[in-house]
């Protein structure tokens, strides 16, 4: 949040942490700032002593692509109610899957499907293995292609 990215927009797969990054958490309270993001940046720099910046880096990514047009498991959203019910996505864009896929693979995923409609389809957001993810994607006519390309990454660094 401090650097302009909110879940589900950005997963940890797009953040480069230092190798010795501590895992503890801390609280920050700001009651006077007009810019909470800047206040959080200052607090993070003060304690525990980190800063971050956006940088284009070449990295391993998966390209999410259409493999089967008109797949039976992918239906254009019929209703207006958007959301997730157990085992099912309703009236959402395919890009909604990107953070989940990135968290599952711990690697950035780029949407190259070109699909712009809202869809209904079966999907489990539970942690699963690669074969199960590939099966869920194939059911909706999609697949992942591994490659390496430059993308924007949030790079975290120790300042002291």
Foldseek 3Di string as FASTA:
>chain_A
DLAPDDPPRDACLQAAEPPPDDDDDDDDDDDDDPRVSPVVQVVVCVPPNKHKDKDWDKDKEKEKEFQDPPQVQKAFADDDDADDDAFKGHFADPVVCQSLVCVLVSHGYHYPHPDDTGIIGGDHSDRDDPVVVQVRQVNNRIDIDIDIDIDMGIYMDGRD
